Amino acid sequence: MITDTEQIKNTPSPALTASANDDHWDEIIRPETGLFELNLKEVWKYRDLLMLFVKRDFIAQYKQTILGPIWHIIQPVFTTIMFLLVFGKIANIPTDGLHPILFYMSGITIWSYFSACLTATSNTFVANAGIFGKVYFPRLVIPLSTVMSNMVKFGIQFGLLLAVMLWLGVQTGKFYFGINWLLIPVLVVMMGGLGLGLGIIISSLTTKYRDFTVLIGFGVQLAMYVTPVAYPLSFLEGKSYKWVVDANPLSSVVEAFRFALFNEGTVSIASLGYSFLFMIASLFFGMLIFSKVERSFMDTV
């Protein structure tokens, strides 16, 4: 007969049982400690979730609107009209021989993609704190999904630009379609990369310094004026402040986008190389800061 005392002695403790079963977990989630442990393989592992977020972002944004994606068309149309009035008629700024509508609309299209990526990703931690506090997944999935969902918006606006190009081409007899168009996907990726890199840097700082949420709004608007969206770079020749626009990594991308579309103007390989290196640096340091902040951001958000 086994007494209660003997049964207690022969029963393994819960601590020992848990310790024995530790080696049988399928996956163990622990905080990363290395500075350069970006864990990008895990982002690829969650690619299905990434595509789900892309679909969610696009549908949720216009689910309760009347016009829906048509807003993506209304925005560049009205902005182009304002640019035609202010910069074309009042300021009389030249457009390097391009039709003013095509000049302004092309700059607005590529700039809108960058500004949308930057604005949305810069609020990643604050806007998604509720999700981050409940379930685990690589936090980098959220800003990546934002950049990809904004690609749909860019596609709609680019389609509108092509339609206007075709319409004006029929009227004027001038329409370019050539090898330079192969450069367009590269430039769009560069714009998305710049928006993502700068955005995740700002989002990491926003968790502690909420002033950045106020600054980012008009900061993006001011940045547009030091980017050749409403004027060509040739307009600044001989001016003392031209170096400010040249130092802007977005300037060469916007100019190259027009060159690829219309085969007008020139493209500086050195300037594009500078923009590419700036994009790589912003993505690298942005992911470093982002991965460091995501471990403890719930304490400050």
C-alpha atoms as a PDB file:
ATOM      1  CA  MET A   1       0.000   0.000   0.000  1.00  0.00           C
ATOM      2  CA  ILE A   2       1.338   3.445  -1.010  1.00  0.00           C
ATOM      3  CA  THR A   3       0.852   6.174   1.515  1.00  0.00           C
ATOM      4  CA  ASP A   4       0.105   9.810   0.626  1.00  0.00           C
ATOM      5  CA  THR A   5       3.588  10.805   1.774  1.00  0.00           C
ATOM      6  CA  GLU A   6       5.255   8.301  -0.562  1.00  0.00           C
ATOM      7  CA  GLN A   7       3.030   9.425  -3.467  1.00  0.00           C
ATOM      8  CA  ILE A   8       4.059  13.049  -2.961  1.00  0.00           C
ATOM      9  CA  LYS A   9       7.721  12.100  -2.910  1.00  0.00           C
ATOM     10  CA  ASN A  10       7.401  10.115  -6.153  1.00  0.00           C
ATOM     11  CA  THR A  11       5.504  12.887  -8.003  1.00  0.00           C
ATOM     12  CA  PRO A  12       7.818  15.206 -10.028  1.00  0.00           C
ATOM     13  CA  SER A  13       7.529  18.882  -9.224  1.00  0.00           C
ATOM     14  CA  PRO A  14       5.832  21.234 -11.786  1.00  0.00           C
ATOM     15  CA  ALA A  15       9.101  23.141 -12.184  1.00  0.00           C
ATOM     16  CA  LEU A  16      10.969  19.982 -13.159  1.00  0.00           C
ATOM     17  CA  THR A  17       8.178  18.942 -15.529  1.00  0.00           C
ATOM     18  CA  ALA A  18       8.211  22.362 -17.268  1.00  0.00           C
ATOM     19  CA  SER A  19      11.985  22.242 -17.490  1.00  0.00           C
ATOM     20  CA  ALA A  20      11.866  18.797 -19.071  1.00  0.00           C
ATOM     21  CA  ASN A  21       9.338  19.937 -21.665  1.00  0.00           C
ATOM     22  CA  ASP A  22      11.208  23.131 -22.640  1.00  0.00           C
ATOM     23  CA  ASP A  23      13.070  21.359 -25.404  1.00  0.00           C
ATOM     24  CA  HIS A  24       9.831  20.281 -27.108  1.00  0.00           C
ATOM     25  CA  TRP A  25       8.435  23.734 -27.997  1.00  0.00           C
ATOM     26  CA  ASP A  26       8.017  24.302 -31.735  1.00  0.00           C
ATOM     27  CA  GLU A  27       9.030  27.955 -31.457  1.00  0.00           C
ATOM     28  CA  ILE A  28      10.400  30.037 -28.605  1.00  0.00           C
ATOM     29  CA  ILE A  29       9.870  33.811 -28.728  1.00  0.00           C
ATOM     30  CA  ARG A  30      12.554  35.798 -26.949  1.00  0.00           C
ATOM     31  CA  PRO A  31      13.782  39.407 -27.256  1.00  0.00           C
ATOM     32  CA  GLU A  32      16.701  39.974 -29.583  1.00  0.00           C
ATOM     33  CA  THR A  33      19.757  41.503 -27.991  1.00  0.00           C
ATOM     34  CA  GLY A  34      22.166  41.992 -30.861  1.00  0.00           C
ATOM     35  CA  LEU A  35      22.360  45.411 -32.465  1.00  0.00           C
ATOM     36  CA  PHE A  36      22.449  44.041 -36.012  1.00  0.00           C
ATOM     37  CA  GLU A  37      19.867  41.267 -35.536  1.00  0.00           C
ATOM     38  CA  LEU A  38      17.226  42.549 -37.952  1.00  0.00           C
ATOM     39  CA  ASN A  39      15.611  39.103 -38.371  1.00  0.00           C
ATOM     40  CA  LEU A  40      14.483  39.762 -41.961  1.00  0.00           C
ATOM     41  CA  LYS A  41      13.916  36.033 -42.513  1.00  0.00           C
ATOM     42  CA  GLU A  42      11.032  36.212 -40.069  1.00  0.00           C
ATOM     43  CA  VAL A  43       9.448  39.019 -42.109  1.00  0.00           C
ATOM     44  CA  TRP A  44       9.518  36.736 -45.157  1.00  0.00           C
ATOM     45  CA  LYS A  45       7.974  33.963 -43.045  1.00  0.00           C
ATOM     46  CA  TYR A  46       5.019  36.267 -42.300  1.00  0.00           C
ATOM     47  CA  ARG A  47       4.537  37.299 -45.939  1.00  0.00           C
ATOM     48  CA  ASP A  48       0.915  36.069 -45.903  1.00  0.00           C
ATOM     49  CA  LEU A  49       0.181  38.433 -43.037  1.00  0.00           C
ATOM     50  CA  LEU A  50       1.928  41.190 -44.978  1.00  0.00           C
ATOM     51  CA  MET A  51      -0.420  40.744 -47.929  1.00  0.00           C
ATOM     52  CA  LEU A  52      -3.391  40.639 -45.548  1.00  0.00           C
ATOM     53  CA  PHE A  53      -2.374  44.016 -44.117  1.00  0.00           C
ATOM     54  CA  VAL A  54      -1.993  45.421 -47.643  1.00  0.00           C
ATOM     55  CA  LYS A  55      -5.548  44.384 -48.445  1.00  0.00           C
ATOM     56  CA  ARG A  56      -6.801  45.723 -45.112  1.00  0.00           C
ATOM     57  CA  ASP A  57      -5.156  49.117 -45.580  1.00  0.00           C
ATOM     58  CA  PHE A  58      -6.642  49.662 -49.012  1.00  0.00           C
ATOM     59  CA  ILE A  59     -10.159  48.442 -48.195  1.00  0.00           C
ATOM     60  CA  ALA A  60     -10.467  50.077 -44.760  1.00  0.00           C
ATOM     61  CA  GLN A  61      -9.334  53.461 -46.070  1.00  0.00           C
ATOM     62  CA  TYR A  62     -12.296  53.823 -48.439  1.00  0.00           C
ATOM     63  CA  LYS A  63     -14.888  51.412 -47.025  1.00  0.00           C
ATOM     64  CA  GLN A  64     -17.186  54.185 -45.752  1.00  0.00           C
ATOM     65  CA  THR A  65     -16.568  56.721 -48.503  1.00  0.00           C
ATOM     66  CA  ILE A  66     -18.863  57.516 -51.415  1.00  0.00           C
ATOM     67  CA  LEU A  67     -16.217  58.056 -54.090  1.00  0.00           C
ATOM     68  CA  GLY A  68     -13.704  55.512 -52.802  1.00  0.00           C
ATOM     69  CA  PRO A  69     -10.534  55.190 -54.951  1.00  0.00           C
ATOM     70  CA  ILE A  70     -11.775  58.048 -57.145  1.00  0.00           C
ATOM     71  CA  TRP A  71     -10.234  60.347 -54.526  1.00  0.00           C
ATOM     72  CA  HIS A  72      -6.861  59.211 -55.862  1.00  0.00           C
ATOM     73  CA  ILE A  73      -7.842  60.818 -59.174  1.00  0.00           C
ATOM     74  CA  ILE A  74      -9.420  63.970 -57.725  1.00  0.00           C
ATOM     75  CA  GLN A  75      -6.341  64.821 -55.661  1.00  0.00           C
ATOM     76  CA  PRO A  76      -3.760  65.102 -58.511  1.00  0.00           C
ATOM     77  CA  VAL A  77      -6.296  66.826 -60.782  1.00  0.00           C
ATOM     78  CA  PHE A  78      -7.033  69.658 -58.350  1.00  0.00           C
ATOM     79  CA  THR A  79      -3.379  69.947 -57.289  1.00  0.00           C
ATOM     80  CA  THR A  80      -2.363  70.239 -60.962  1.00  0.00           C
ATOM     81  CA  ILE A  81      -4.935  72.989 -61.487  1.00  0.00           C
ATOM     82  CA  MET A  82      -3.541  74.920 -58.500  1.00  0.00           C
ATOM     83  CA  PHE A  83       0.023  74.516 -59.776  1.00  0.00           C
ATOM     84  CA  LEU A  84      -1.018  75.735 -63.215  1.00  0.00           C
ATOM     85  CA  LEU A  85      -2.518  78.850 -61.649  1.00  0.00           C
ATOM     86  CA  VAL A  86       0.134  79.669 -59.034  1.00  0.00           C
ATOM     87  CA  PHE A  87       3.403  78.506 -60.613  1.00  0.00           C
ATOM     88  CA  GLY A  88       2.419  78.703 -64.269  1.00  0.00           C
ATOM     89  CA  LYS A  89       0.285  81.824 -64.563  1.00  0.00           C
ATOM     90  CA  ILE A  90       1.266  83.933 -61.557  1.00  0.00           C
ATOM     91  CA  ALA A  91       4.939  83.034 -61.081  1.00  0.00           C
ATOM     92  CA  ASN A  92       5.574  82.281 -64.789  1.00  0.00           C
ATOM     93  CA  ILE A  93       7.992  79.454 -63.986  1.00  0.00           C
ATOM     94  CA  PRO A  94       9.052  77.586 -67.159  1.00  0.00           C
ATOM     95  CA  THR A  95       8.558  73.845 -67.565  1.00  0.00           C
ATOM     96  CA  ASP A  96      11.569  73.012 -69.753  1.00  0.00           C
ATOM     97  CA  GLY A  97       9.522  72.729 -72.935  1.00  0.00           C
ATOM     98  CA  LEU A  98       7.092  70.171 -71.504  1.00  0.00           C
ATOM     99  CA  HIS A  99       3.363  70.726 -71.540  1.00  0.00           C
ATOM    100  CA  PRO A 100       2.586  72.345 -68.144  1.00  0.00           C
ATOM    101  CA  ILE A 101      -0.133  69.798 -67.325  1.00  0.00           C
ATOM    102  CA  LEU A 102       2.230  66.868 -67.912  1.00  0.00           C
ATOM    103  CA  PHE A 103       5.060  68.585 -66.087  1.00  0.00           C
ATOM    104  CA  TYR A 104       3.068  69.260 -62.923  1.00  0.00           C
ATOM    105  CA  MET A 105       1.083  66.021 -62.942  1.00  0.00           C
ATOM    106  CA  SER A 106       4.200  63.846 -63.318  1.00  0.00           C
ATOM    107  CA  GLY A 107       5.890  65.580 -60.383  1.00  0.00           C
ATOM    108  CA  ILE A 108       2.752  65.338 -58.254  1.00  0.00           C
ATOM    109  CA  THR A 109       2.320  61.620 -59.020  1.00  0.00           C
ATOM    110  CA  ILE A 110       5.785  60.527 -57.890  1.00  0.00           C
ATOM    111  CA  TRP A 111       5.851  62.975 -54.967  1.00  0.00           C
ATOM    112  CA  SER A 112       2.440  61.832 -53.681  1.00  0.00           C
ATOM    113  CA  TYR A 113       3.720  58.268 -53.445  1.00  0.00           C
ATOM    114  CA  PHE A 114       6.703  59.325 -51.346  1.00  0.00           C
ATOM    115  CA  SER A 115       4.704  61.616 -49.052  1.00  0.00           C
ATOM    116  CA  ALA A 116       2.013  58.948 -48.484  1.00  0.00           C
ATOM    117  CA  CYS A 117       4.640  56.342 -47.574  1.00  0.00           C
ATOM    118  CA  LEU A 118       6.509  58.691 -45.257  1.00  0.00           C
ATOM    119  CA  THR A 119       3.422  60.046 -43.479  1.00  0.00           C
ATOM    120  CA  ALA A 120       1.847  56.632 -42.887  1.00  0.00           C
ATOM    121  CA  THR A 121       4.987  54.769 -41.787  1.00  0.00           C
ATOM    122  CA  SER A 122       6.069  57.585 -39.456  1.00  0.00           C
ATOM    123  CA  ASN A 123       3.040  56.796 -37.262  1.00  0.00           C
ATOM    124  CA  THR A 124       3.508  53.017 -37.170  1.00  0.00           C
ATOM    125  CA  PHE A 125       4.011  52.453 -33.431  1.00  0.00           C
ATOM    126  CA  VAL A 126       1.439  54.943 -32.180  1.00  0.00           C
ATOM    127  CA  ALA A 127      -1.307  53.954 -34.635  1.00  0.00           C
ATOM    128  CA  ASN A 128      -0.865  50.200 -34.105  1.00  0.00           C
ATOM    129  CA  ALA A 129      -0.099  50.069 -30.382  1.00  0.00           C
ATOM    130  CA  GLY A 130      -3.331  48.159 -29.752  1.00  0.00           C
ATOM    131  CA  ILE A 131      -2.362  45.353 -32.148  1.00  0.00           C
ATOM    132  CA  PHE A 132       1.264  45.243 -31.044  1.00  0.00           C
ATOM    133  CA  GLY A 133       0.237  44.826 -27.401  1.00  0.00           C
ATOM    134  CA  LYS A 134      -1.937  41.764 -28.080  1.00  0.00           C
ATOM    135  CA  VAL A 135      -0.241  39.518 -30.601  1.00  0.00           C
ATOM    136  CA  TYR A 136       3.290  38.863 -31.811  1.00  0.00           C
ATOM    137  CA  PHE A 137       4.456  39.272 -35.392  1.00  0.00           C
ATOM    138  CA  PRO A 138       7.449  41.092 -36.921  1.00  0.00           C
ATOM    139  CA  ARG A 139       6.643  44.762 -36.428  1.00  0.00           C
ATOM    140  CA  LEU A 140       8.343  45.675 -39.694  1.00  0.00           C
ATOM    141  CA  VAL A 141       5.420  44.028 -41.497  1.00  0.00           C
ATOM    142  CA  ILE A 142       3.209  47.070 -40.790  1.00  0.00           C
ATOM    143  CA  PRO A 143       5.349  49.772 -42.498  1.00  0.00           C
ATOM    144  CA  LEU A 144       6.129  47.389 -45.368  1.00  0.00           C
ATOM    145  CA  SER A 145       2.416  46.805 -45.932  1.00  0.00           C
ATOM    146  CA  THR A 146       1.857  50.569 -45.937  1.00  0.00           C
ATOM    147  CA  VAL A 147       4.433  51.100 -48.680  1.00  0.00           C
ATOM    148  CA  MET A 148       2.914  48.283 -50.746  1.00  0.00           C
ATOM    149  CA  SER A 149      -0.694  49.443 -50.303  1.00  0.00           C
ATOM    150  CA  ASN A 150       0.297  52.953 -51.379  1.00  0.00           C
ATOM    151  CA  MET A 151       1.628  51.348 -54.556  1.00  0.00           C
ATOM    152  CA  VAL A 152      -2.016  50.777 -55.527  1.00  0.00           C
ATOM    153  CA  LYS A 153      -2.690  54.495 -55.099  1.00  0.00           C
ATOM    154  CA  PHE A 154       0.360  55.288 -57.212  1.00  0.00           C
ATOM    155  CA  GLY A 155      -0.850  52.875 -59.895  1.00  0.00           C
ATOM    156  CA  ILE A 156      -4.201  54.677 -60.140  1.00  0.00           C
ATOM    157  CA  GLN A 157      -2.571  58.097 -60.387  1.00  0.00           C
ATOM    158  CA  PHE A 158       0.006  56.826 -62.878  1.00  0.00           C
ATOM    159  CA  GLY A 159      -2.810  55.438 -65.003  1.00  0.00           C
ATOM    160  CA  LEU A 160      -4.443  58.881 -64.975  1.00  0.00           C
ATOM    161  CA  LEU A 161      -1.127  60.429 -66.018  1.00  0.00           C
ATOM    162  CA  LEU A 162      -0.833  57.993 -68.935  1.00  0.00           C
ATOM    163  CA  ALA A 163      -4.379  58.817 -70.033  1.00  0.00           C
ATOM    164  CA  VAL A 164      -3.592  62.560 -70.029  1.00  0.00           C
ATOM    165  CA  MET A 165      -0.339  61.894 -71.901  1.00  0.00           C
ATOM    166  CA  LEU A 166      -2.228  59.952 -74.562  1.00  0.00           C
ATOM    167  CA  TRP A 167      -4.919  62.624 -74.852  1.00  0.00           C
ATOM    168  CA  LEU A 168      -2.404  65.461 -75.235  1.00  0.00           C
ATOM    169  CA  GLY A 169      -0.269  63.282 -77.518  1.00  0.00           C
ATOM    170  CA  VAL A 170      -3.180  62.893 -79.931  1.00  0.00           C
ATOM    171  CA  GLN A 171      -3.714  66.659 -79.946  1.00  0.00           C
ATOM    172  CA  THR A 172      -0.076  67.695 -80.293  1.00  0.00           C
ATOM    173  CA  GLY A 173       1.297  64.689 -82.140  1.00  0.00           C
ATOM    174  CA  LYS A 174       4.029  64.243 -79.516  1.00  0.00           C
ATOM    175  CA  PHE A 175       4.075  61.084 -77.439  1.00  0.00           C
ATOM    176  CA  TYR A 176       7.185  59.285 -76.217  1.00  0.00           C
ATOM    177  CA  PHE A 177       7.342  55.584 -75.452  1.00  0.00           C
ATOM    178  CA  GLY A 178      10.818  54.118 -75.369  1.00  0.00           C
ATOM    179  CA  ILE A 179      13.524  52.305 -73.457  1.00  0.00           C
ATOM    180  CA  ASN A 180      13.679  55.048 -70.831  1.00  0.00           C
ATOM    181  CA  TRP A 181      10.404  53.709 -69.418  1.00  0.00           C
ATOM    182  CA  LEU A 182      12.344  50.759 -67.998  1.00  0.00           C
ATOM    183  CA  LEU A 183      13.768  53.227 -65.493  1.00  0.00           C
ATOM    184  CA  ILE A 184      10.322  54.003 -64.015  1.00  0.00           C
ATOM    185  CA  PRO A 185       9.999  50.888 -61.763  1.00  0.00           C
ATOM    186  CA  VAL A 186      13.486  51.534 -60.382  1.00  0.00           C
ATOM    187  CA  LEU A 187      12.599  55.129 -59.525  1.00  0.00           C
ATOM    188  CA  VAL A 188       9.320  54.095 -57.876  1.00  0.00           C
ATOM    189  CA  VAL A 189      11.165  51.546 -55.723  1.00  0.00           C
ATOM    190  CA  MET A 190      13.681  54.225 -54.756  1.00  0.00           C
ATOM    191  CA  MET A 191      10.881  56.600 -53.736  1.00  0.00           C
ATOM    192  CA  GLY A 192       9.217  53.851 -51.713  1.00  0.00           C
ATOM    193  CA  GLY A 193      12.538  52.949 -50.087  1.00  0.00           C
ATOM    194  CA  LEU A 194      13.209  56.568 -49.134  1.00  0.00           C
ATOM    195  CA  GLY A 195       9.714  56.916 -47.681  1.00  0.00           C
ATOM    196  CA  LEU A 196      10.068  53.658 -45.743  1.00  0.00           C
ATOM    197  CA  GLY A 197      13.559  54.386 -44.415  1.00  0.00           C
ATOM    198  CA  LEU A 198      12.829  57.921 -43.267  1.00  0.00           C
ATOM    199  CA  GLY A 199       9.383  56.902 -42.025  1.00  0.00           C
ATOM    200  CA  ILE A 200      10.547  54.132 -39.683  1.00  0.00           C
ATOM    201  CA  ILE A 201      13.247  56.415 -38.302  1.00  0.00           C
ATOM    202  CA  ILE A 202      10.614  59.021 -37.452  1.00  0.00           C
ATOM    203  CA  SER A 203       8.214  56.376 -36.101  1.00  0.00           C
ATOM    204  CA  SER A 204      10.930  55.136 -33.739  1.00  0.00           C
ATOM    205  CA  LEU A 205      11.495  58.654 -32.435  1.00  0.00           C
ATOM    206  CA  THR A 206       7.754  59.333 -32.174  1.00  0.00           C
ATOM    207  CA  THR A 207       7.330  56.683 -29.470  1.00  0.00           C
ATOM    208  CA  LYS A 208       9.272  58.920 -27.100  1.00  0.00           C
ATOM    209  CA  TYR A 209       8.936  62.384 -28.626  1.00  0.00           C
ATOM    210  CA  ARG A 210       5.371  63.044 -29.767  1.00  0.00           C
ATOM    211  CA  ASP A 211       6.420  66.400 -31.240  1.00  0.00           C
ATOM    212  CA  PHE A 212       7.347  64.542 -34.422  1.00  0.00           C
ATOM    213  CA  THR A 213       3.685  63.743 -35.087  1.00  0.00           C
ATOM    214  CA  VAL A 214       3.044  67.487 -35.318  1.00  0.00           C
ATOM    215  CA  LEU A 215       6.185  68.242 -37.289  1.00  0.00           C
ATOM    216  CA  ILE A 216       5.753  65.556 -39.933  1.00  0.00           C
ATOM    217  CA  GLY A 217       2.571  67.101 -41.360  1.00  0.00           C
ATOM    218  CA  PHE A 218       3.903  70.457 -42.452  1.00  0.00           C
ATOM    219  CA  GLY A 219       7.445  69.094 -42.728  1.00  0.00           C
ATOM    220  CA  VAL A 220       6.395  67.040 -45.755  1.00  0.00           C
ATOM    221  CA  GLN A 221       4.707  70.091 -47.281  1.00  0.00           C
ATOM    222  CA  LEU A 222       7.839  72.190 -46.838  1.00  0.00           C
ATOM    223  CA  ALA A 223      10.002  69.415 -48.296  1.00  0.00           C
ATOM    224  CA  MET A 224       7.999  69.570 -51.515  1.00  0.00           C
ATOM    225  CA  TYR A 225       9.221  73.113 -52.138  1.00  0.00           C
ATOM    226  CA  VAL A 226      12.874  72.009 -52.005  1.00  0.00           C
ATOM    227  CA  THR A 227      12.071  69.243 -54.484  1.00  0.00           C
ATOM    228  CA  PRO A 228      11.623  70.069 -58.203  1.00  0.00           C
ATOM    229  CA  VAL A 229       7.941  69.142 -58.291  1.00  0.00           C
ATOM    230  CA  ALA A 230       6.586  72.526 -59.403  1.00  0.00           C
ATOM    231  CA  TYR A 231       9.749  73.752 -61.147  1.00  0.00           C
ATOM    232  CA  PRO A 232      12.637  72.229 -63.126  1.00  0.00           C
ATOM    233  CA  LEU A 233      16.184  72.113 -61.776  1.00  0.00           C
ATOM    234  CA  SER A 234      17.301  74.265 -64.707  1.00  0.00           C
ATOM    235  CA  PHE A 235      15.237  77.115 -63.265  1.00  0.00           C
ATOM    236  CA  LEU A 236      17.639  77.282 -60.300  1.00  0.00           C
ATOM    237  CA  GLU A 237      20.829  77.612 -62.346  1.00  0.00           C
ATOM    238  CA  GLY A 238      22.943  80.468 -61.014  1.00  0.00           C
ATOM    239  CA  LYS A 239      20.906  80.857 -57.824  1.00  0.00           C
ATOM    240  CA  SER A 240      22.733  80.744 -54.486  1.00  0.00           C
ATOM    241  CA  TYR A 241      20.294  78.298 -52.868  1.00  0.00           C
ATOM    242  CA  LYS A 242      20.477  75.666 -55.616  1.00  0.00           C
ATOM    243  CA  TRP A 243      22.744  73.515 -53.440  1.00  0.00           C
ATOM    244  CA  VAL A 244      19.852  72.954 -51.014  1.00  0.00           C
ATOM    245  CA  VAL A 245      17.752  71.357 -53.770  1.00  0.00           C
ATOM    246  CA  ASP A 246      20.766  69.416 -55.064  1.00  0.00           C
ATOM    247  CA  ALA A 247      21.364  68.012 -51.569  1.00  0.00           C
ATOM    248  CA  ASN A 248      17.796  66.733 -51.462  1.00  0.00           C
ATOM    249  CA  PRO A 249      17.948  63.010 -52.467  1.00  0.00           C
ATOM    250  CA  LEU A 250      14.422  63.264 -53.892  1.00  0.00           C
ATOM    251  CA  SER A 251      15.353  65.887 -56.486  1.00  0.00           C
ATOM    252  CA  SER A 252      17.214  63.600 -58.854  1.00  0.00           C
ATOM    253  CA  VAL A 253      14.486  60.937 -58.610  1.00  0.00           C
ATOM    254  CA  VAL A 254      11.749  63.402 -59.623  1.00  0.00           C
ATOM    255  CA  GLU A 255      13.855  64.757 -62.489  1.00  0.00           C
ATOM    256  CA  ALA A 256      14.717  61.242 -63.659  1.00  0.00           C
ATOM    257  CA  PHE A 257      11.028  60.265 -63.517  1.00  0.00           C
ATOM    258  CA  ARG A 258      10.176  63.066 -65.971  1.00  0.00           C
ATOM    259  CA  PHE A 259      13.102  62.121 -68.176  1.00  0.00           C
ATOM    260  CA  ALA A 260      11.970  58.487 -68.283  1.00  0.00           C
ATOM    261  CA  LEU A 261       8.413  59.484 -69.173  1.00  0.00           C
ATOM    262  CA  PHE A 262       9.007  62.233 -71.722  1.00  0.00           C
ATOM    263  CA  ASN A 263      12.659  61.840 -72.785  1.00  0.00           C
ATOM    264  CA  GLU A 264      13.142  65.521 -72.004  1.00  0.00           C
ATOM    265  CA  GLY A 265      15.966  67.016 -69.950  1.00  0.00           C
ATOM    266  CA  THR A 266      19.016  65.216 -68.613  1.00  0.00           C
ATOM    267  CA  VAL A 267      19.690  62.664 -65.899  1.00  0.00           C
ATOM    268  CA  SER A 268      22.743  62.841 -63.683  1.00  0.00           C
ATOM    269  CA  ILE A 269      24.040  59.355 -62.907  1.00  0.00           C
ATOM    270  CA  ALA A 270      26.024  60.780 -59.991  1.00  0.00           C
ATOM    271  CA  SER A 271      22.905  62.379 -58.497  1.00  0.00           C
ATOM    272  CA  LEU A 272      20.914  59.162 -58.866  1.00  0.00           C
ATOM    273  CA  GLY A 273      23.775  57.263 -57.251  1.00  0.00           C
ATOM    274  CA  TYR A 274      23.690  59.697 -54.342  1.00  0.00           C
ATOM    275  CA  SER A 275      19.929  59.172 -53.971  1.00  0.00           C
ATOM    276  CA  PHE A 276      20.355  55.395 -54.090  1.00  0.00           C
ATOM    277  CA  LEU A 277      23.078  55.423 -51.408  1.00  0.00           C
ATOM    278  CA  PHE A 278      20.945  57.735 -49.263  1.00  0.00           C
ATOM    279  CA  MET A 279      18.047  55.285 -49.593  1.00  0.00           C
ATOM    280  CA  ILE A 280      20.209  52.309 -48.587  1.00  0.00           C
ATOM    281  CA  ALA A 281      21.627  54.215 -45.604  1.00  0.00           C
ATOM    282  CA  SER A 282      18.189  55.375 -44.420  1.00  0.00           C
ATOM    283  CA  LEU A 283      16.779  51.839 -44.713  1.00  0.00           C
ATOM    284  CA  PHE A 284      19.731  50.306 -42.872  1.00  0.00           C
ATOM    285  CA  PHE A 285      19.814  52.748 -39.987  1.00  0.00           C
ATOM    286  CA  GLY A 286      16.035  52.923 -39.921  1.00  0.00           C
ATOM    287  CA  MET A 287      15.723  49.155 -39.439  1.00  0.00           C
ATOM    288  CA  LEU A 288      18.420  49.217 -36.768  1.00  0.00           C
ATOM    289  CA  ILE A 289      16.590  51.889 -34.779  1.00  0.00           C
ATOM    290  CA  PHE A 290      13.214  50.290 -35.474  1.00  0.00           C
ATOM    291  CA  SER A 291      14.315  46.838 -34.237  1.00  0.00           C
ATOM    292  CA  LYS A 292      15.775  48.379 -31.096  1.00  0.00           C
ATOM    293  CA  VAL A 293      12.706  50.462 -30.273  1.00  0.00           C
ATOM    294  CA  GLU A 294      10.189  47.669 -30.936  1.00  0.00           C
ATOM    295  CA  ARG A 295      11.535  45.674 -27.962  1.00  0.00           C
ATOM    296  CA  SER A 296      10.459  48.267 -25.412  1.00  0.00           C
ATOM    297  CA  PHE A 297       8.143  50.721 -27.177  1.00  0.00           C
ATOM    298  CA  MET A 298       5.078  49.554 -25.188  1.00  0.00           C
ATOM    299  CA  ASP A 299       6.634  51.163 -22.116  1.00  0.00           C
ATOM    300  CA  THR A 300       6.660  54.612 -23.719  1.00  0.00           C
ATOM    301  CA  VAL A 301       3.793  54.626 -26.244  1.00  0.00           C
END
